[in-house]
Amino acid sequence: MKRYGLLGYPLTHSFSKRYFTERFETEKIDSTYDNFEIDSITKFPEVVKDNPEVIGFNVTIPYKEQVIPYLDELNDSAKEIGAVNTIRVTRTENGVHLKGFNTDTFGFESSLKPLLKDHHKKALILGTGGASKALKYVLKKLGIEYISASIEELKENEIRYEDIDEQLICERLLIINATPLGTYPKVDTFPNIPYEFITDKHLLFDLVYNPEVTQFMAKGQANGATVKNGYEMLLNQAKKSYEIWNAEE
């Protein structure tokens, strides 16, 4: 039996555990998936040592960046992004080797790409947290120029929410919500942008997947925009994780 698990804190609503447990049952795969809720990343080596059957981890908030110093190797995308959400554990007589990957990039790109039109040349990312790093990596790869709206101290290619005006909305026809605003149970929240300037040429992509239609999406739909939630992205990154864990060296 193979074991996999999720690192994070807290892990009250784990998509990964539900997804993999259901998949293993449906496909009759002799594997298990557990939540490893640790209140400090310093406990990660202990989890690896005490669970010798585990061959793969997913990593979620707040450890996608904090886990990196504990890994032996990173793949190219994880290295460039500076965040890891998948770890492959290889155990040999010489010891344990931990390699980090970022499958958020695959999940986002495979979900976004079918919706892109020729006029989606510029993007506005709402939020500058860990999730936005994977988005920027994909947008750069696709040749889409981006800026981010931040509530923190401004860095390169970042603006304040109050600077989002009609002109900016009209020229950036891809808008991505990379904040937790709108997530259940706080379903009435949404990013503060001038939605009245959204048109039918806009594509609004929300990383939130619960509820199925967020306020951000609904406000876009009301003006004719194409909208998409984060469920397929999550699904695709989970599938990619499983491929990585079970790939031949």
Protein backbone atom coordinates (compact mmCIF):
# COMPACT_ATOMS: atom_id res chain seq x y z
CA MET A 1 0.00 0.00 0.00
CA LYS A 2 1.24 3.48 -0.93
CA ARG A 3 0.62 6.46 1.33
CA TYR A 4 0.34 10.12 0.48
CA GLY A 5 -0.53 13.17 2.54
CA LEU A 6 -1.16 16.88 2.84
CA LEU A 7 0.94 19.31 4.89
CA GLY A 8 -0.67 22.49 6.14
CA TYR A 9 -2.28 24.33 9.02
CA PRO A 10 -5.15 24.35 9.60
CA LEU A 11 -6.63 21.57 7.47
CA THR A 12 -10.32 21.79 8.29
CA HIS A 13 -11.54 21.74 4.67
CA SER A 14 -9.18 19.52 2.71
CA PHE A 15 -10.00 19.16 -0.99
CA SER A 16 -6.95 16.91 -1.46
CA LYS A 17 -7.92 14.29 1.12
CA ARG A 18 -11.47 14.07 -0.20
CA TYR A 19 -10.34 13.94 -3.85
CA PHE A 20 -7.67 11.27 -3.42
CA THR A 21 -9.70 9.10 -1.02
CA GLU A 22 -12.62 9.06 -3.47
CA ARG A 23 -10.29 8.38 -6.41
CA PHE A 24 -8.57 5.49 -4.65
CA GLU A 25 -11.93 3.94 -3.74
CA THR A 26 -13.45 4.39 -7.21
CA GLU A 27 -10.40 3.10 -9.09
CA LYS A 28 -9.68 0.40 -6.48
CA ILE A 29 -6.15 1.72 -5.90
CA ASP A 30 -4.46 0.28 -2.82
CA SER A 31 -3.39 3.64 -1.37
CA THR A 32 -4.32 6.05 1.40
CA TYR A 33 -4.17 9.83 1.79
CA ASP A 34 -3.86 11.52 5.17
CA ASN A 35 -3.79 15.05 6.52
CA PHE A 36 -0.60 16.01 8.36
CA GLU A 37 -1.64 19.13 10.25
CA ILE A 38 1.48 20.63 11.81
CA ASP A 39 1.58 23.99 13.58
CA SER A 40 5.20 24.61 12.58
CA ILE A 41 7.20 23.62 9.50
CA THR A 42 10.03 22.58 11.83
CA LYS A 43 7.97 19.43 12.49
CA PHE A 44 8.13 18.37 8.83
CA PRO A 45 11.32 16.21 9.15
CA GLU A 46 9.63 14.38 12.01
CA VAL A 47 6.57 13.64 9.81
CA VAL A 48 8.84 12.23 7.07
CA LYS A 49 10.77 10.09 9.57
CA ASP A 50 7.72 8.80 11.47
CA ASN A 51 5.79 7.86 8.31
CA PRO A 52 8.20 5.77 6.22
CA GLU A 53 5.43 4.51 3.88
CA VAL A 54 4.60 8.02 2.62
CA ILE A 55 5.98 8.60 -0.88
CA GLY A 56 4.36 11.95 -1.66
CA PHE A 57 3.06 15.10 -0.03
CA ASN A 58 0.92 17.98 -1.17
CA VAL A 59 1.69 21.29 0.55
CA THR A 60 -0.80 24.04 1.29
CA ILE A 61 -1.01 27.27 3.30
CA PRO A 62 1.14 28.40 5.05
CA TYR A 63 4.02 26.11 4.07
CA LYS A 64 4.44 26.38 0.28
CA GLU A 65 7.48 28.61 0.73
CA GLN A 66 8.55 27.61 4.24
CA VAL A 67 9.08 23.97 3.24
CA ILE A 68 11.75 24.73 0.62
CA PRO A 69 14.81 24.75 2.97
CA TYR A 70 13.88 21.20 4.02
CA LEU A 71 14.01 19.83 0.46
CA ASP A 72 16.99 18.34 -1.37
CA GLU A 73 15.98 19.46 -4.87
CA LEU A 74 13.45 21.62 -6.73
CA ASN A 75 12.21 21.29 -10.29
CA ASP A 76 12.59 24.31 -12.60
CA SER A 77 9.13 25.84 -12.07
CA ALA A 78 9.24 25.48 -8.28
CA LYS A 79 12.70 27.05 -8.28
CA GLU A 80 11.62 30.05 -10.36
CA ILE A 81 8.34 30.57 -8.48
CA GLY A 82 9.81 30.03 -5.04
CA ALA A 83 6.85 27.93 -3.89
CA VAL A 84 6.21 24.17 -3.67
CA ASN A 85 2.88 22.36 -3.48
CA THR A 86 4.03 18.81 -4.30
CA ILE A 87 6.88 16.77 -2.82
CA ARG A 88 8.11 13.41 -4.10
CA VAL A 89 9.73 11.26 -1.42
CA THR A 90 12.34 8.75 -2.61
CA ARG A 91 13.62 6.35 0.02
CA THR A 92 16.75 4.27 -0.65
CA GLU A 93 19.41 2.57 1.41
CA ASN A 94 21.34 5.84 1.20
CA GLY A 95 18.55 7.77 2.89
CA VAL A 96 15.58 9.98 1.98
CA HIS A 97 15.52 12.37 -0.99
CA LEU A 98 12.84 15.08 -1.13
CA LYS A 99 12.13 16.84 -4.43
CA GLY A 100 9.74 19.78 -4.67
CA PHE A 101 7.44 20.66 -7.58
CA ASN A 102 4.80 23.27 -8.30
CA THR A 103 1.73 21.75 -9.98
CA ASP A 104 -0.36 24.91 -9.49
CA THR A 105 1.22 26.08 -12.76
CA PHE A 106 -0.10 23.06 -14.65
CA GLY A 107 -3.51 23.33 -13.00
CA PHE A 108 -3.89 27.03 -13.81
CA GLU A 109 -2.58 26.86 -17.37
CA SER A 110 -4.70 23.85 -18.37
CA SER A 111 -7.84 25.49 -16.95
CA LEU A 112 -7.22 28.99 -18.32
CA LYS A 113 -5.89 28.27 -21.81
CA PRO A 114 -9.11 27.00 -23.46
CA LEU A 115 -10.85 30.26 -22.48
CA LEU A 116 -8.26 32.68 -23.83
CA LYS A 117 -9.09 34.82 -26.85
CA ASP A 118 -6.76 36.94 -28.97
CA HIS A 119 -7.73 40.09 -27.07
CA HIS A 120 -6.63 38.69 -23.69
CA LYS A 121 -3.18 40.30 -23.93
CA LYS A 122 -3.06 41.98 -20.51
CA ALA A 123 -4.04 40.69 -17.08
CA LEU A 124 -4.87 42.17 -13.70
CA ILE A 125 -4.12 39.86 -10.77
CA LEU A 126 -6.02 40.66 -7.58
CA GLY A 127 -3.75 39.66 -4.70
CA THR A 128 -0.02 39.16 -4.23
CA GLY A 129 0.10 36.10 -1.97
CA GLY A 130 1.75 32.74 -2.61
CA ALA A 131 -0.86 31.67 -5.18
CA SER A 132 -0.12 34.66 -7.42
CA LYS A 133 3.46 33.48 -8.00
CA ALA A 134 2.31 30.44 -9.98
CA LEU A 135 -0.12 32.61 -11.96
CA LYS A 136 2.65 35.03 -12.94
CA TYR A 137 4.84 32.15 -14.08
CA VAL A 138 2.07 30.90 -16.39
CA LEU A 139 1.10 34.34 -17.71
CA LYS A 140 4.73 35.08 -18.52
CA LYS A 141 4.98 31.75 -20.35
CA LEU A 142 1.83 32.59 -22.35
CA GLY A 143 3.09 36.08 -23.23
CA ILE A 144 0.38 37.87 -21.24
CA GLU A 145 1.50 41.09 -19.55
CA TYR A 146 0.32 41.46 -15.94
CA ILE A 147 0.16 43.76 -12.95
CA SER A 148 -1.03 42.90 -9.44
CA ALA A 149 -3.26 44.78 -7.02
CA SER A 150 -1.84 44.72 -3.51
CA ILE A 151 -2.80 45.82 -0.01
CA GLU A 152 0.82 45.33 1.13
CA GLU A 153 3.87 47.50 0.49
CA LEU A 154 4.14 47.89 -3.28
CA LYS A 155 6.76 45.97 -5.27
CA GLU A 156 7.52 45.93 -8.99
CA ASN A 157 4.43 45.56 -11.23
CA GLU A 158 2.05 46.22 -8.33
CA ILE A 159 -0.64 48.86 -7.79
CA ARG A 160 -3.13 49.82 -5.10
CA TYR A 161 -6.77 48.79 -5.41
CA GLU A 162 -7.78 52.46 -5.42
CA ASP A 163 -5.72 52.90 -8.61
CA ILE A 164 -7.92 50.44 -10.53
CA ASP A 165 -9.98 52.75 -12.72
CA GLU A 166 -12.04 52.55 -15.90
CA GLN A 167 -9.02 52.79 -18.18
CA LEU A 168 -7.18 49.97 -16.43
CA ILE A 169 -10.23 47.68 -16.43
CA CYS A 170 -10.86 48.40 -20.12
CA GLU A 171 -7.32 47.54 -21.18
CA ARG A 172 -6.87 44.47 -18.95
CA LEU A 173 -9.45 42.00 -20.21
CA LEU A 174 -8.23 39.10 -18.07
CA ILE A 175 -8.87 39.59 -14.35
CA ILE A 176 -7.83 36.93 -11.84
CA ASN A 177 -8.91 36.77 -8.21
CA ALA A 178 -5.97 35.31 -6.29
CA THR A 179 -7.35 36.36 -2.90
CA PRO A 180 -9.52 34.24 -0.56
CA LEU A 181 -12.34 36.81 -0.81
CA GLY A 182 -15.65 35.10 -1.53
CA THR A 183 -14.64 31.73 -0.09
CA TYR A 184 -17.23 29.83 1.97
CA PRO A 185 -18.44 30.72 4.58
CA LYS A 186 -17.74 34.41 3.78
CA VAL A 187 -19.57 34.19 0.48
CA ASP A 188 -20.69 37.83 0.47
CA THR A 189 -17.14 39.18 0.19
CA PHE A 190 -15.42 40.12 -3.07
CA PRO A 191 -12.44 42.15 -4.33
CA ASN A 192 -13.14 45.88 -4.40
CA ILE A 193 -12.84 46.83 -8.09
CA PRO A 194 -15.12 48.92 -10.38
CA TYR A 195 -17.22 46.08 -11.83
CA GLU A 196 -19.36 48.54 -13.81
CA PHE A 197 -16.58 48.71 -16.42
CA ILE A 198 -16.52 44.93 -17.02
CA THR A 199 -17.68 43.96 -20.54
CA ASP A 200 -18.44 40.84 -22.57
CA LYS A 201 -14.80 40.84 -23.70
CA HIS A 202 -13.58 40.22 -20.16
CA LEU A 203 -12.55 36.88 -18.70
CA LEU A 204 -12.80 36.67 -14.91
CA PHE A 205 -10.95 33.74 -13.37
CA ASP A 206 -11.46 33.05 -9.66
CA LEU A 207 -9.11 30.72 -7.77
CA VAL A 208 -11.90 30.23 -5.22
CA TYR A 209 -13.94 27.07 -5.92
CA ASN A 210 -16.44 27.09 -3.03
CA PRO A 211 -19.04 28.44 -3.70
CA GLU A 212 -19.29 27.43 -7.34
CA VAL A 213 -20.22 31.00 -8.34
CA THR A 214 -18.58 33.69 -6.22
CA GLN A 215 -19.68 37.31 -5.96
CA PHE A 216 -16.65 38.23 -8.09
CA MET A 217 -17.87 35.87 -10.82
CA ALA A 218 -21.53 36.89 -10.51
CA LYS A 219 -20.68 40.57 -10.88
CA GLY A 220 -18.70 39.76 -14.03
CA GLN A 221 -21.48 37.58 -15.44
CA ALA A 222 -23.98 40.41 -14.92
CA ASN A 223 -21.98 42.44 -17.45
CA GLY A 224 -21.59 39.59 -19.94
CA ALA A 225 -18.09 38.46 -18.97
CA THR A 226 -16.86 34.88 -19.28
CA VAL A 227 -16.17 33.47 -15.80
CA LYS A 228 -14.42 30.42 -14.36
CA ASN A 229 -13.87 29.19 -10.82
CA GLY A 230 -10.84 27.40 -9.40
CA TYR A 231 -12.23 23.87 -9.19
CA GLU A 232 -10.78 22.56 -12.45
CA MET A 233 -7.41 24.14 -11.62
CA LEU A 234 -7.43 22.32 -8.28
CA LEU A 235 -8.45 19.07 -9.92
CA ASN A 236 -5.73 19.29 -12.57
CA GLN A 237 -2.98 20.14 -10.12
CA ALA A 238 -4.01 17.15 -7.97
CA LYS A 239 -3.88 14.83 -10.99
CA LYS A 240 -0.43 16.17 -11.86
CA SER A 241 0.76 15.55 -8.30
CA TYR A 242 -0.24 11.90 -8.56
CA GLU A 243 1.64 11.57 -11.86
CA ILE A 244 4.77 13.02 -10.26
CA TRP A 245 4.62 10.71 -7.25
CA ASN A 246 4.29 7.65 -9.46
CA ALA A 247 6.61 8.64 -12.33
CA GLU A 248 9.52 6.40 -13.20
CA GLU A 249 12.88 7.97 -12.35
